[in-house]
C-alpha atoms as a PDB file:
ATOM      1  CA  MET A   1       3.353 -18.199 -44.252  1.00  0.00           C
ATOM      2  CA  TYR A   2       2.843 -14.641 -45.507  1.00  0.00           C
ATOM      3  CA  PRO A   3       0.330 -13.819 -48.193  1.00  0.00           C
ATOM      4  CA  VAL A   4       1.876 -13.250 -51.560  1.00  0.00           C
ATOM      5  CA  ILE A   5       0.349 -10.716 -53.875  1.00  0.00           C
ATOM      6  CA  ASN A   6       0.993 -11.583 -57.453  1.00  0.00           C
ATOM      7  CA  GLN A   7       1.445  -8.671 -59.802  1.00  0.00           C
ATOM      8  CA  ASN A   8       0.928 -10.685 -62.922  1.00  0.00           C
ATOM      9  CA  PRO A   9       0.110  -8.276 -65.769  1.00  0.00           C
ATOM     10  CA  GLU A  10      -2.308 -10.774 -67.250  1.00  0.00           C
ATOM     11  CA  GLN A  11      -4.374 -10.751 -64.057  1.00  0.00           C
ATOM     12  CA  ASN A  12      -4.399  -6.970 -64.064  1.00  0.00           C
ATOM     13  CA  ALA A  13      -5.597  -7.050 -67.634  1.00  0.00           C
ATOM     14  CA  THR A  14      -8.561  -9.208 -66.650  1.00  0.00           C
ATOM     15  CA  GLY A  15      -9.860  -6.533 -64.316  1.00  0.00           C
ATOM     16  CA  THR A  16      -8.339  -7.532 -60.978  1.00  0.00           C
ATOM     17  CA  SER A  17      -6.215  -4.672 -59.829  1.00  0.00           C
ATOM     18  CA  PHE A  18      -3.340  -4.831 -57.422  1.00  0.00           C
ATOM     19  CA  TRP A  19      -5.472  -3.208 -54.704  1.00  0.00           C
ATOM     20  CA  ASP A  20      -8.343  -5.666 -55.207  1.00  0.00           C
ATOM     21  CA  GLN A  21      -6.003  -8.472 -54.238  1.00  0.00           C
ATOM     22  CA  PHE A  22      -5.702  -7.041 -50.722  1.00  0.00           C
ATOM     23  CA  SER A  23      -9.264  -8.082 -49.986  1.00  0.00           C
ATOM     24  CA  HIS A  24      -8.250 -11.744 -50.407  1.00  0.00           C
ATOM     25  CA  ILE A  25      -5.663 -11.608 -47.625  1.00  0.00           C
ATOM     26  CA  GLN A  26      -6.962 -13.486 -44.603  1.00  0.00           C
ATOM     27  CA  GLY A  27      -6.903 -11.509 -41.367  1.00  0.00           C
ATOM     28  CA  THR A  28      -5.212  -8.169 -41.199  1.00  0.00           C
ATOM     29  CA  ILE A  29      -1.986  -7.318 -42.913  1.00  0.00           C
ATOM     30  CA  GLU A  30      -0.618  -6.066 -39.610  1.00  0.00           C
ATOM     31  CA  SER A  31      -1.075  -9.495 -38.011  1.00  0.00           C
ATOM     32  CA  CYS A  32       0.839 -11.170 -40.847  1.00  0.00           C
ATOM     33  CA  ILE A  33       3.895  -8.903 -40.751  1.00  0.00           C
ATOM     34  CA  PRO A  34       6.365  -9.367 -37.907  1.00  0.00           C
ATOM     35  CA  THR A  35       7.585  -6.092 -36.508  1.00  0.00           C
ATOM     36  CA  PHE A  36      10.239  -5.055 -34.073  1.00  0.00           C
ATOM     37  CA  ASP A  37       7.553  -3.403 -31.930  1.00  0.00           C
ATOM     38  CA  LYS A  38       5.707  -6.693 -31.479  1.00  0.00           C
ATOM     39  CA  SER A  39       8.920  -8.488 -30.521  1.00  0.00           C
ATOM     40  CA  LEU A  40       9.823  -5.715 -28.117  1.00  0.00           C
ATOM     41  CA  ASP A  41       6.331  -5.709 -26.588  1.00  0.00           C
ATOM     42  CA  ALA A  42       6.473  -9.477 -26.102  1.00  0.00           C
ATOM     43  CA  TYR A  43       9.901  -9.187 -24.459  1.00  0.00           C
ATOM     44  CA  PHE A  44       8.717  -6.495 -22.051  1.00  0.00           C
ATOM     45  CA  ASP A  45       5.546  -8.434 -21.241  1.00  0.00           C
ATOM     46  CA  GLN A  46       7.582 -11.497 -20.302  1.00  0.00           C
ATOM     47  CA  ASN A  47      10.333  -9.697 -18.401  1.00  0.00           C
ATOM     48  CA  PHE A  48       8.578  -6.624 -16.995  1.00  0.00           C
ATOM     49  CA  ALA A  49       9.131  -7.363 -13.294  1.00  0.00           C
ATOM     50  CA  ALA A  50      12.823  -8.131 -13.784  1.00  0.00           C
ATOM     51  CA  ILE A  51      13.335  -4.999 -15.896  1.00  0.00           C
ATOM     52  CA  VAL A  52      11.671  -2.784 -13.277  1.00  0.00           C
ATOM     53  CA  GLU A  53      13.845  -4.326 -10.578  1.00  0.00           C
ATOM     54  CA  GLU A  54      17.093  -4.241 -12.550  1.00  0.00           C
ATOM     55  CA  TRP A  55      16.680  -0.704 -13.881  1.00  0.00           C
ATOM     56  CA  ASP A  56      15.319   0.477 -10.520  1.00  0.00           C
ATOM     57  CA  LEU A  57      12.277   2.011 -12.206  1.00  0.00           C
ATOM     58  CA  VAL A  58       9.575   3.754 -10.214  1.00  0.00           C
ATOM     59  CA  THR A  59       6.228   1.972 -10.077  1.00  0.00           C
ATOM     60  CA  ASP A  60       2.797   3.384  -9.289  1.00  0.00           C
ATOM     61  CA  SER A  61       2.956   2.076  -5.720  1.00  0.00           C
ATOM     62  CA  ASP A  62       6.392   3.670  -5.310  1.00  0.00           C
ATOM     63  CA  LEU A  63       4.963   7.004  -6.455  1.00  0.00           C
ATOM     64  CA  HIS A  64       2.052   6.678  -4.019  1.00  0.00           C
ATOM     65  CA  LYS A  65       4.479   5.974  -1.144  1.00  0.00           C
ATOM     66  CA  LEU A  66       6.620   8.959  -2.153  1.00  0.00           C
ATOM     67  CA  GLU A  67       3.567  11.232  -2.310  1.00  0.00           C
ATOM     68  CA  THR A  68       2.544  10.085   1.179  1.00  0.00           C
ATOM     69  CA  ARG A  69       6.050  10.711   2.516  1.00  0.00           C
ATOM     70  CA  LEU A  70       6.194  14.108   0.808  1.00  0.00           C
ATOM     71  CA  ALA A  71       2.877  15.105   2.380  1.00  0.00           C
ATOM     72  CA  ALA A  72       4.134  14.019   5.818  1.00  0.00           C
ATOM     73  CA  VAL A  73       7.419  15.916   5.389  1.00  0.00           C
ATOM     74  CA  SER A  74       5.556  19.017   4.151  1.00  0.00           C
ATOM     75  CA  ASP A  75       3.294  18.916   7.206  1.00  0.00           C
ATOM     76  CA  GLU A  76       6.318  18.531   9.479  1.00  0.00           C
ATOM     77  CA  ILE A  77       8.091  21.459   7.801  1.00  0.00           C
ATOM     78  CA  SER A  78       4.988  23.625   8.220  1.00  0.00           C
ATOM     79  CA  SER A  79       4.748  22.733  11.900  1.00  0.00           C
ATOM     80  CA  LEU A  80       8.470  23.404  12.445  1.00  0.00           C
ATOM     81  CA  TYR A  81       8.208  26.754  10.672  1.00  0.00           C
ATOM     82  CA  ALA A  82       5.226  27.722  12.848  1.00  0.00           C
ATOM     83  CA  GLY A  83       7.240  26.699  15.930  1.00  0.00           C
ATOM     84  CA  LYS A  84      10.204  28.749  14.716  1.00  0.00           C
ATOM     85  CA  MET A  85       7.994  31.820  14.265  1.00  0.00           C
ATOM     86  CA  THR A  86       6.599  31.374  17.783  1.00  0.00           C
ATOM     87  CA  ILE A  87      10.084  31.048  19.278  1.00  0.00           C
ATOM     88  CA  GLU A  88      11.327  34.095  17.350  1.00  0.00           C
ATOM     89  CA  SER A  89       8.361  36.100  18.615  1.00  0.00           C
ATOM     90  CA  ARG A  90       9.068  35.037  22.211  1.00  0.00           C
ATOM     91  CA  ALA A  91      12.790  35.809  21.788  1.00  0.00           C
ATOM     92  CA  GLU A  92      11.953  39.280  20.478  1.00  0.00           C
ATOM     93  CA  LYS A  93       9.683  39.927  23.482  1.00  0.00           C
ATOM     94  CA  LEU A  94      12.460  38.754  25.834  1.00  0.00           C
ATOM     95  CA  GLU A  95      14.953  41.043  24.117  1.00  0.00           C
ATOM     96  CA  ASN A  96      12.546  43.955  24.542  1.00  0.00           C
ATOM     97  CA  LEU A  97      12.113  43.121  28.225  1.00  0.00           C
ATOM     98  CA  ILE A  98      15.875  42.866  28.737  1.00  0.00           C
ATOM     99  CA  SER A  99      16.381  46.190  26.964  1.00  0.00           C
ATOM    100  CA  SER A 100      13.747  47.870  29.123  1.00  0.00           C
ATOM    101  CA  LEU A 101      15.315  46.397  32.294  1.00  0.00           C
ATOM    102  CA  GLU A 102      18.789  47.585  31.261  1.00  0.00           C
ATOM    103  CA  LYS A 103      17.444  51.099  30.637  1.00  0.00           C
ATOM    104  CA  SER A 104      15.753  51.183  34.024  1.00  0.00           C
ATOM    105  CA  LEU A 105      18.967  50.299  35.859  1.00  0.00           C
END
């Protein structure tokens, strides 16, 4: 299953070094060695949708929807703040008018 590199001293004496034996391994060494990362990647590939749902993770479409909502809320806040400033300005003018009327009486 996995390539075996023989460290026979007689072979090394004939001129084949340990490192020369790596060239006889078919494919890449990485493809021959099972790793936890590969198992984990395979698990996530198979169960990605369920993991996102179960862990309630945020997806790209969720982020886009949140950005759209944030922009709408920001616009609404700006418009409400502008309305508040207008109302405060009108209230101040009314207070000035009331004060001037009270002084004239």
